């Protein structure tokens, strides 16, 4: 199952995330949910001391930050490349 944080849903409603980009990410997460294979797309583990293992999924100039818990994907942030890495450093 794919879960989106409230901030991601709010950003989409405000128009900060284009509909086509969110559709690309959603389809990618659905594929990941079916196969449970993180090697399907350009996914890398984020470095740092976090309580969870966070990953990033790249689609063009946009990135999605997510974690996996009990086989479910929890999307924490979706945004442009320059914005995402400023928040996660």
PDB file of N, CA and C in Angstrom:
ATOM      1  N   UNK A   1       0.842  -1.175   0.000  1.00  0.00           N
ATOM      2  CA  UNK A   1       0.000   0.000   0.000  1.00  0.00           C
ATOM      3  C   UNK A   1       0.891   1.243   0.000  1.00  0.00           C
ATOM      4  N   UNK A   2       0.426   2.285  -0.617  1.00  0.00           N
ATOM      5  CA  UNK A   2       1.164   3.539  -0.696  1.00  0.00           C
ATOM      6  C   UNK A   2       0.409   4.591   0.109  1.00  0.00           C
ATOM      7  N   UNK A   3       1.114   5.219   1.040  1.00  0.00           N
ATOM      8  CA  UNK A   3       0.533   6.277   1.862  1.00  0.00           C
ATOM      9  C   UNK A   3       1.279   7.582   1.602  1.00  0.00           C
ATOM     10  N   UNK A   4       0.537   8.662   1.485  1.00  0.00           N
ATOM     11  CA  UNK A   4       1.125   9.989   1.288  1.00  0.00           C
ATOM     12  C   UNK A   4       0.898  10.819   2.551  1.00  0.00           C
ATOM     13  N   UNK A   5       1.956  11.464   3.001  1.00  0.00           N
ATOM     14  CA  UNK A   5       1.844  12.354   4.160  1.00  0.00           C
ATOM     15  C   UNK A   5       0.907  13.508   3.811  1.00  0.00           C
ATOM     16  N   UNK A   6       0.361  14.100   4.830  1.00  0.00           N
ATOM     17  CA  UNK A   6      -0.562  15.222   4.657  1.00  0.00           C
ATOM     18  C   UNK A   6       0.110  16.373   3.889  1.00  0.00           C
ATOM     19  N   UNK A   7       1.392  16.614   4.148  1.00  0.00           N
ATOM     20  CA  UNK A   7       2.096  17.711   3.469  1.00  0.00           C
ATOM     21  C   UNK A   7       2.201  17.473   1.965  1.00  0.00           C
ATOM     22  N   UNK A   8       2.354  16.226   1.547  1.00  0.00           N
ATOM     23  CA  UNK A   8       2.415  15.907   0.115  1.00  0.00           C
ATOM     24  C   UNK A   8       1.058  16.152  -0.527  1.00  0.00           C
ATOM     25  N   UNK A   9       0.012  15.698   0.119  1.00  0.00           N
ATOM     26  CA  UNK A   9      -1.342  15.910  -0.417  1.00  0.00           C
ATOM     27  C   UNK A   9      -1.675  17.401  -0.490  1.00  0.00           C
ATOM     28  N   UNK A  10      -1.255  18.149   0.523  1.00  0.00           N
ATOM     29  CA  UNK A  10      -1.517  19.590   0.553  1.00  0.00           C
ATOM     30  C   UNK A  10      -0.748  20.311  -0.564  1.00  0.00           C
ATOM     31  N   UNK A  11       0.508  19.919  -0.776  1.00  0.00           N
ATOM     32  CA  UNK A  11       1.311  20.530  -1.844  1.00  0.00           C
ATOM     33  C   UNK A  11       0.696  20.265  -3.210  1.00  0.00           C
ATOM     34  N   UNK A  12       0.153  19.071  -3.393  1.00  0.00           N
ATOM     35  CA  UNK A  12      -0.497  18.750  -4.660  1.00  0.00           C
ATOM     36  C   UNK A  12      -1.743  19.601  -4.860  1.00  0.00           C
ATOM     37  N   UNK A  13      -2.539  19.760  -3.814  1.00  0.00           N
ATOM     38  CA  UNK A  13      -3.760  20.561  -3.929  1.00  0.00           C
ATOM     39  C   UNK A  13      -3.459  22.025  -4.202  1.00  0.00           C
ATOM     40  N   UNK A  14      -2.336  22.519  -3.661  1.00  0.00           N
ATOM     41  CA  UNK A  14      -1.944  23.913  -3.889  1.00  0.00           C
ATOM     42  C   UNK A  14      -1.359  24.120  -5.280  1.00  0.00           C
ATOM     43  N   UNK A  15      -1.007  23.036  -5.959  1.00  0.00           N
ATOM     44  CA  UNK A  15      -0.435  23.152  -7.293  1.00  0.00           C
ATOM     45  C   UNK A  15       1.078  23.211  -7.296  1.00  0.00           C
ATOM     46  N   UNK A  16       1.709  22.949  -6.161  1.00  0.00           N
ATOM     47  CA  UNK A  16       3.166  22.977  -6.090  1.00  0.00           C
ATOM     48  C   UNK A  16       3.787  21.746  -6.761  1.00  0.00           C
ATOM     49  N   UNK A  17       3.019  20.674  -6.828  1.00  0.00           N
ATOM     50  CA  UNK A  17       3.451  19.459  -7.510  1.00  0.00           C
ATOM     51  C   UNK A  17       2.538  19.265  -8.710  1.00  0.00           C
ATOM     52  N   UNK A  18       3.098  19.253  -9.928  1.00  0.00           N
ATOM     53  CA  UNK A  18       2.254  19.061 -11.110  1.00  0.00           C
ATOM     54  C   UNK A  18       1.555  17.698 -11.099  1.00  0.00           C
ATOM     55  N   UNK A  19       0.376  17.665 -11.656  1.00  0.00           N
ATOM     56  CA  UNK A  19      -0.434  16.454 -11.665  1.00  0.00           C
ATOM     57  C   UNK A  19       0.299  15.310 -12.370  1.00  0.00           C
ATOM     58  N   UNK A  20       0.946  15.608 -13.482  1.00  0.00           N
ATOM     59  CA  UNK A  20       1.651  14.575 -14.240  1.00  0.00           C
ATOM     60  C   UNK A  20       2.803  13.974 -13.434  1.00  0.00           C
ATOM     61  N   UNK A  21       3.497  14.805 -12.680  1.00  0.00           N
ATOM     62  CA  UNK A  21       4.623  14.329 -11.866  1.00  0.00           C
ATOM     63  C   UNK A  21       4.113  13.409 -10.757  1.00  0.00           C
ATOM     64  N   UNK A  22       3.048  13.806 -10.092  1.00  0.00           N
ATOM     65  CA  UNK A  22       2.503  12.969  -9.025  1.00  0.00           C
ATOM     66  C   UNK A  22       1.980  11.647  -9.594  1.00  0.00           C
ATOM     67  N   UNK A  23       1.435  11.692 -10.796  1.00  0.00           N
ATOM     68  CA  UNK A  23       0.961  10.464 -11.435  1.00  0.00           C
ATOM     69  C   UNK A  23       2.142   9.525 -11.731  1.00  0.00           C
ATOM     70  N   UNK A  24       3.262  10.078 -12.183  1.00  0.00           N
ATOM     71  CA  UNK A  24       4.462   9.263 -12.421  1.00  0.00           C
ATOM     72  C   UNK A  24       4.934   8.587 -11.135  1.00  0.00           C
ATOM     73  N   UNK A  25       5.003   9.363 -10.069  1.00  0.00           N
ATOM     74  CA  UNK A  25       5.441   8.806  -8.792  1.00  0.00           C
ATOM     75  C   UNK A  25       4.450   7.750  -8.285  1.00  0.00           C
ATOM     76  N   UNK A  26       3.178   8.033  -8.413  1.00  0.00           N
ATOM     77  CA  UNK A  26       2.179   7.093  -7.919  1.00  0.00           C
ATOM     78  C   UNK A  26       2.271   5.759  -8.665  1.00  0.00           C
ATOM     79  N   UNK A  27       2.418   5.822  -9.985  1.00  0.00           N
ATOM     80  CA  UNK A  27       2.562   4.594 -10.766  1.00  0.00           C
ATOM     81  C   UNK A  27       3.831   3.840 -10.385  1.00  0.00           C
ATOM     82  N   UNK A  28       4.907   4.570 -10.123  1.00  0.00           N
ATOM     83  CA  UNK A  28       6.151   3.929  -9.705  1.00  0.00           C
ATOM     84  C   UNK A  28       5.977   3.242  -8.355  1.00  0.00           C
ATOM     85  N   UNK A  29       5.318   3.906  -7.421  1.00  0.00           N
ATOM     86  CA  UNK A  29       5.106   3.306  -6.106  1.00  0.00           C
ATOM     87  C   UNK A  29       4.162   2.102  -6.176  1.00  0.00           C
ATOM     88  N   UNK A  30       3.192   2.148  -7.073  1.00  0.00           N
ATOM     89  CA  UNK A  30       2.325   0.985  -7.253  1.00  0.00           C
ATOM     90  C   UNK A  30       3.122  -0.202  -7.789  1.00  0.00           C
ATOM     91  N   UNK A  31       4.026   0.049  -8.720  1.00  0.00           N
ATOM     92  CA  UNK A  31       4.886  -1.011  -9.241  1.00  0.00           C
ATOM     93  C   UNK A  31       5.784  -1.565  -8.149  1.00  0.00           C
ATOM     94  N   UNK A  32       6.343  -0.679  -7.327  1.00  0.00           N
ATOM     95  CA  UNK A  32       7.185  -1.120  -6.216  1.00  0.00           C
ATOM     96  C   UNK A  32       6.374  -1.934  -5.208  1.00  0.00           C
ATOM     97  N   UNK A  33       5.146  -1.536  -4.986  1.00  0.00           N
ATOM     98  CA  UNK A  33       4.292  -2.247  -4.039  1.00  0.00           C
ATOM     99  C   UNK A  33       3.982  -3.661  -4.537  1.00  0.00           C
ATOM    100  N   UNK A  34       3.805  -3.804  -5.828  1.00  0.00           N
ATOM    101  CA  UNK A  34       3.521  -5.123  -6.387  1.00  0.00           C
ATOM    102  C   UNK A  34       4.740  -6.041  -6.346  1.00  0.00           C
ATOM    103  N   UNK A  35       5.904  -5.503  -6.715  1.00  0.00           N
ATOM    104  CA  UNK A  35       7.094  -6.337  -6.855  1.00  0.00           C
ATOM    105  C   UNK A  35       7.967  -6.375  -5.611  1.00  0.00           C
ATOM    106  N   UNK A  36       7.900  -5.344  -4.773  1.00  0.00           N
ATOM    107  CA  UNK A  36       8.767  -5.212  -3.583  1.00  0.00           C
ATOM    108  C   UNK A  36      10.247  -5.188  -3.971  1.00  0.00           C
ATOM    109  N   UNK A  37      10.548  -4.750  -5.197  1.00  0.00           N
ATOM    110  CA  UNK A  37      11.917  -4.703  -5.698  1.00  0.00           C
ATOM    111  C   UNK A  37      12.345  -3.246  -5.867  1.00  0.00           C
ATOM    112  N   UNK A  38      13.251  -2.777  -5.004  1.00  0.00           N
ATOM    113  CA  UNK A  38      13.698  -1.386  -5.060  1.00  0.00           C
ATOM    114  C   UNK A  38      14.684  -1.129  -6.189  1.00  0.00           C
ATOM    115  N   UNK A  39      15.062  -2.156  -6.948  1.00  0.00           N
ATOM    116  CA  UNK A  39      15.992  -1.981  -8.063  1.00  0.00           C
ATOM    117  C   UNK A  39      15.291  -1.648  -9.375  1.00  0.00           C
ATOM    118  N   UNK A  40      13.974  -1.538  -9.365  1.00  0.00           N
ATOM    119  CA  UNK A  40      13.238  -1.235 -10.593  1.00  0.00           C
ATOM    120  C   UNK A  40      13.491   0.181 -11.091  1.00  0.00           C
ATOM    121  N   UNK A  41      13.644   1.121 -10.181  1.00  0.00           N
ATOM    122  CA  UNK A  41      13.769   2.531 -10.545  1.00  0.00           C
ATOM    123  C   UNK A  41      15.047   3.098  -9.946  1.00  0.00           C
ATOM    124  N   UNK A  42      15.288   4.372 -10.212  1.00  0.00           N
ATOM    125  CA  UNK A  42      16.469   5.054  -9.671  1.00  0.00           C
ATOM    126  C   UNK A  42      16.189   5.402  -8.209  1.00  0.00           C
ATOM    127  N   UNK A  43      16.490   4.471  -7.335  1.00  0.00           N
ATOM    128  CA  UNK A  43      16.239   4.632  -5.902  1.00  0.00           C
ATOM    129  C   UNK A  43      17.560   4.500  -5.164  1.00  0.00           C
ATOM    130  N   UNK A  44      17.793   5.427  -4.252  1.00  0.00           N
ATOM    131  CA  UNK A  44      18.996   5.377  -3.427  1.00  0.00           C
ATOM    132  C   UNK A  44      18.617   5.602  -1.967  1.00  0.00           C
ATOM    133  N   UNK A  45      19.378   4.990  -1.094  1.00  0.00           N
ATOM    134  CA  UNK A  45      19.176   5.176   0.341  1.00  0.00           C
ATOM    135  C   UNK A  45      19.821   6.494   0.753  1.00  0.00           C
ATOM    136  N   UNK A  46      19.130   7.268   1.573  1.00  0.00           N
ATOM    137  CA  UNK A  46      19.682   8.530   2.055  1.00  0.00           C
ATOM    138  C   UNK A  46      20.661   8.269   3.189  1.00  0.00           C
ATOM    139  N   UNK A  47      21.739   9.021   3.190  1.00  0.00           N
ATOM    140  CA  UNK A  47      22.740   8.890   4.244  1.00  0.00           C
ATOM    141  C   UNK A  47      22.378   9.810   5.399  1.00  0.00           C
ATOM    142  N   UNK A  48      22.687   9.363   6.598  1.00  0.00           N
ATOM    143  CA  UNK A  48      22.417  10.189   7.770  1.00  0.00           C
ATOM    144  C   UNK A  48      21.899   9.352   8.915  1.00  0.00           C
ATOM    145  N   UNK A  49      21.836   9.975  10.067  1.00  0.00           N
ATOM    146  CA  UNK A  49      21.317   9.306  11.255  1.00  0.00           C
ATOM    147  C   UNK A  49      19.838   9.624  11.399  1.00  0.00           C
ATOM    148  N   UNK A  50      19.018   8.724  10.918  1.00  0.00           N
ATOM    149  CA  UNK A  50      17.575   8.880  11.008  1.00  0.00           C
ATOM    150  C   UNK A  50      17.013   7.687  11.771  1.00  0.00           C
ATOM    151  N   UNK A  51      15.830   7.836  12.303  1.00  0.00           N
ATOM    152  CA  UNK A  51      15.183   6.730  13.014  1.00  0.00           C
ATOM    153  C   UNK A  51      14.814   5.600  12.045  1.00  0.00           C
ATOM    154  N   UNK A  52      14.554   5.964  10.811  1.00  0.00           N
ATOM    155  CA  UNK A  52      14.166   5.002   9.785  1.00  0.00           C
ATOM    156  C   UNK A  52      15.168   5.063   8.637  1.00  0.00           C
ATOM    157  N   UNK A  53      15.057   4.080   7.751  1.00  0.00           N
ATOM    158  CA  UNK A  53      15.828   4.123   6.515  1.00  0.00           C
ATOM    159  C   UNK A  53      14.991   4.868   5.478  1.00  0.00           C
ATOM    160  N   UNK A  54      15.469   6.024   5.061  1.00  0.00           N
ATOM    161  CA  UNK A  54      14.774   6.806   4.047  1.00  0.00           C
ATOM    162  C   UNK A  54      15.415   6.560   2.695  1.00  0.00           C
ATOM    163  N   UNK A  55      14.585   6.618   1.658  1.00  0.00           N
ATOM    164  CA  UNK A  55      15.038   6.436   0.289  1.00  0.00           C
ATOM    165  C   UNK A  55      14.539   7.593  -0.544  1.00  0.00           C
ATOM    166  N   UNK A  56      15.195   7.784  -1.686  1.00  0.00           N
ATOM    167  CA  UNK A  56      14.705   8.787  -2.623  1.00  0.00           C
ATOM    168  C   UNK A  56      14.467   8.114  -3.966  1.00  0.00           C
ATOM    169  N   UNK A  57      13.402   8.526  -4.615  1.00  0.00           N
ATOM    170  CA  UNK A  57      13.039   8.047  -5.942  1.00  0.00           C
ATOM    171  C   UNK A  57      13.114   9.239  -6.871  1.00  0.00           C
ATOM    172  N   UNK A  58      13.849   9.081  -7.969  1.00  0.00           N
ATOM    173  CA  UNK A  58      14.065  10.194  -8.894  1.00  0.00           C
ATOM    174  C   UNK A  58      13.210  10.011 -10.138  1.00  0.00           C
ATOM    175  N   UNK A  59      12.537  11.082 -10.518  1.00  0.00           N
ATOM    176  CA  UNK A  59      11.794  11.163 -11.769  1.00  0.00           C
ATOM    177  C   UNK A  59      12.043  12.544 -12.354  1.00  0.00           C
ATOM    178  N   UNK A  60      12.984  12.632 -13.286  1.00  0.00           N
ATOM    179  CA  UNK A  60      13.324  13.914 -13.905  1.00  0.00           C
ATOM    180  C   UNK A  60      13.920  14.866 -12.889  1.00  0.00           C
ATOM    181  N   UNK A  61      13.356  16.065 -12.788  1.00  0.00           N
ATOM    182  CA  UNK A  61      13.851  17.068 -11.845  1.00  0.00           C
ATOM    183  C   UNK A  61      13.213  16.927 -10.461  1.00  0.00           C
ATOM    184  N   UNK A  62      12.319  15.983 -10.308  1.00  0.00           N
ATOM    185  CA  UNK A  62      11.613  15.817  -9.041  1.00  0.00           C
ATOM    186  C   UNK A  62      12.117  14.596  -8.284  1.00  0.00           C
ATOM    187  N   UNK A  63      12.012  14.666  -6.965  1.00  0.00           N
ATOM    188  CA  UNK A  63      12.421  13.577  -6.085  1.00  0.00           C
ATOM    189  C   UNK A  63      11.302  13.301  -5.088  1.00  0.00           C
ATOM    190  N   UNK A  64      11.171  12.045  -4.724  1.00  0.00           N
ATOM    191  CA  UNK A  64      10.231  11.638  -3.679  1.00  0.00           C
ATOM    192  C   UNK A  64      11.042  10.988  -2.574  1.00  0.00           C
ATOM    193  N   UNK A  65      10.830  11.422  -1.356  1.00  0.00           N
ATOM    194  CA  UNK A  65      11.483  10.833  -0.188  1.00  0.00           C
ATOM    195  C   UNK A  65      10.441   9.922   0.480  1.00  0.00           C
ATOM    196  N   UNK A  66      10.863   8.690   0.752  1.00  0.00           N
ATOM    197  CA  UNK A  66       9.925   7.737   1.331  1.00  0.00           C
ATOM    198  C   UNK A  66      10.651   6.746   2.231  1.00  0.00           C
ATOM    199  N   UNK A  67       9.874   6.023   3.008  1.00  0.00           N
ATOM    200  CA  UNK A  67      10.402   4.915   3.797  1.00  0.00           C
ATOM    201  C   UNK A  67       9.446   3.738   3.671  1.00  0.00           C
ATOM    202  N   UNK A  68       9.967   2.562   3.987  1.00  0.00           N
ATOM    203  CA  UNK A  68       9.179   1.336   3.898  1.00  0.00           C
ATOM    204  C   UNK A  68       8.969   0.808   5.318  1.00  0.00           C
ATOM    205  N   UNK A  69       7.717   0.553   5.654  1.00  0.00           N
ATOM    206  CA  UNK A  69       7.388   0.026   6.978  1.00  0.00           C
ATOM    207  C   UNK A  69       6.326  -1.057   6.822  1.00  0.00           C
ATOM    208  N   UNK A  70       6.649  -2.254   7.256  1.00  0.00           N
ATOM    209  CA  UNK A  70       5.748  -3.406   7.168  1.00  0.00           C
ATOM    210  C   UNK A  70       5.288  -3.650   5.733  1.00  0.00           C
ATOM    211  N   UNK A  71       6.172  -3.424   4.766  1.00  0.00           N
ATOM    212  CA  UNK A  71       5.842  -3.648   3.363  1.00  0.00           C
ATOM    213  C   UNK A  71       5.051  -2.536   2.709  1.00  0.00           C
ATOM    214  N   UNK A  72       4.721  -1.490   3.453  1.00  0.00           N
ATOM    215  CA  UNK A  72       3.985  -0.348   2.910  1.00  0.00           C
ATOM    216  C   UNK A  72       4.946   0.799   2.637  1.00  0.00           C
ATOM    217  N   UNK A  73       4.632   1.571   1.608  1.00  0.00           N
ATOM    218  CA  UNK A  73       5.461   2.721   1.239  1.00  0.00           C
ATOM    219  C   UNK A  73       4.816   3.988   1.781  1.00  0.00           C
ATOM    220  N   UNK A  74       5.596   4.759   2.532  1.00  0.00           N
ATOM    221  CA  UNK A  74       5.124   6.011   3.123  1.00  0.00           C
ATOM    222  C   UNK A  74       5.907   7.153   2.479  1.00  0.00           C
ATOM    223  N   UNK A  75       5.227   7.941   1.650  1.00  0.00           N
ATOM    224  CA  UNK A  75       5.858   9.055   0.938  1.00  0.00           C
ATOM    225  C   UNK A  75       5.820  10.276   1.840  1.00  0.00           C
ATOM    226  N   UNK A  76       7.004  10.784   2.182  1.00  0.00           N
ATOM    227  CA  UNK A  76       7.129  11.882   3.121  1.00  0.00           C
ATOM    228  C   UNK A  76       7.184  13.227   2.411  1.00  0.00           C
ATOM    229  N   UNK A  77       7.866  13.269   1.248  1.00  0.00           N
ATOM    230  CA  UNK A  77       8.050  14.546   0.569  1.00  0.00           C
ATOM    231  C   UNK A  77       8.202  14.318  -0.927  1.00  0.00           C
ATOM    232  N   UNK A  78       7.611  15.187  -1.713  1.00  0.00           N
ATOM    233  CA  UNK A  78       7.794  15.211  -3.166  1.00  0.00           C
ATOM    234  C   UNK A  78       8.079  16.651  -3.538  1.00  0.00           C
ATOM    235  N   UNK A  79       9.159  16.873  -4.269  1.00  0.00           N
ATOM    236  CA  UNK A  79       9.497  18.230  -4.667  1.00  0.00           C
ATOM    237  C   UNK A  79      10.635  18.250  -5.647  1.00  0.00           C
ATOM    238  N   UNK A  80      11.005  19.454  -6.063  1.00  0.00           N
ATOM    239  CA  UNK A  80      12.119  19.609  -6.989  1.00  0.00           C
ATOM    240  C   UNK A  80      13.434  19.263  -6.300  1.00  0.00           C
ATOM    241  N   UNK A  81      14.410  18.903  -7.107  1.00  0.00           N
ATOM    242  CA  UNK A  81      15.688  18.426  -6.602  1.00  0.00           C
ATOM    243  C   UNK A  81      16.336  19.409  -5.636  1.00  0.00           C
ATOM    244  N   UNK A  82      16.393  20.673  -6.004  1.00  0.00           N
ATOM    245  CA  UNK A  82      17.086  21.656  -5.168  1.00  0.00           C
ATOM    246  C   UNK A  82      16.375  21.887  -3.835  1.00  0.00           C
ATOM    247  N   UNK A  83      15.081  21.662  -3.767  1.00  0.00           N
ATOM    248  CA  UNK A  83      14.334  21.836  -2.520  1.00  0.00           C
ATOM    249  C   UNK A  83      14.473  20.619  -1.596  1.00  0.00           C
ATOM    250  N   UNK A  84      14.468  19.442  -2.180  1.00  0.00           N
ATOM    251  CA  UNK A  84      14.449  18.212  -1.391  1.00  0.00           C
ATOM    252  C   UNK A  84      15.711  18.064  -0.561  1.00  0.00           C
ATOM    253  N   UNK A  85      16.861  18.244  -1.170  1.00  0.00           N
ATOM    254  CA  UNK A  85      18.097  17.983  -0.457  1.00  0.00           C
ATOM    255  C   UNK A  85      18.420  19.044   0.582  1.00  0.00           C
ATOM    256  N   UNK A  86      17.869  20.243   0.429  1.00  0.00           N
ATOM    257  CA  UNK A  86      18.049  21.258   1.475  1.00  0.00           C
ATOM    258  C   UNK A  86      17.316  20.852   2.746  1.00  0.00           C
ATOM    259  N   UNK A  87      16.186  20.188   2.604  1.00  0.00           N
ATOM    260  CA  UNK A  87      15.408  19.774   3.777  1.00  0.00           C
ATOM    261  C   UNK A  87      16.003  18.568   4.482  1.00  0.00           C
ATOM    262  N   UNK A  88      16.725  17.714   3.773  1.00  0.00           N
ATOM    263  CA  UNK A  88      17.192  16.449   4.335  1.00  0.00           C
ATOM    264  C   UNK A  88      18.675  16.465   4.665  1.00  0.00           C
ATOM    265  N   UNK A  89      19.278  17.599   4.853  1.00  0.00           N
ATOM    266  CA  UNK A  89      20.698  17.643   5.242  1.00  0.00           C
ATOM    267  C   UNK A  89      20.841  18.036   6.669  1.00  0.00           C
TER     268      UNK A  89
END
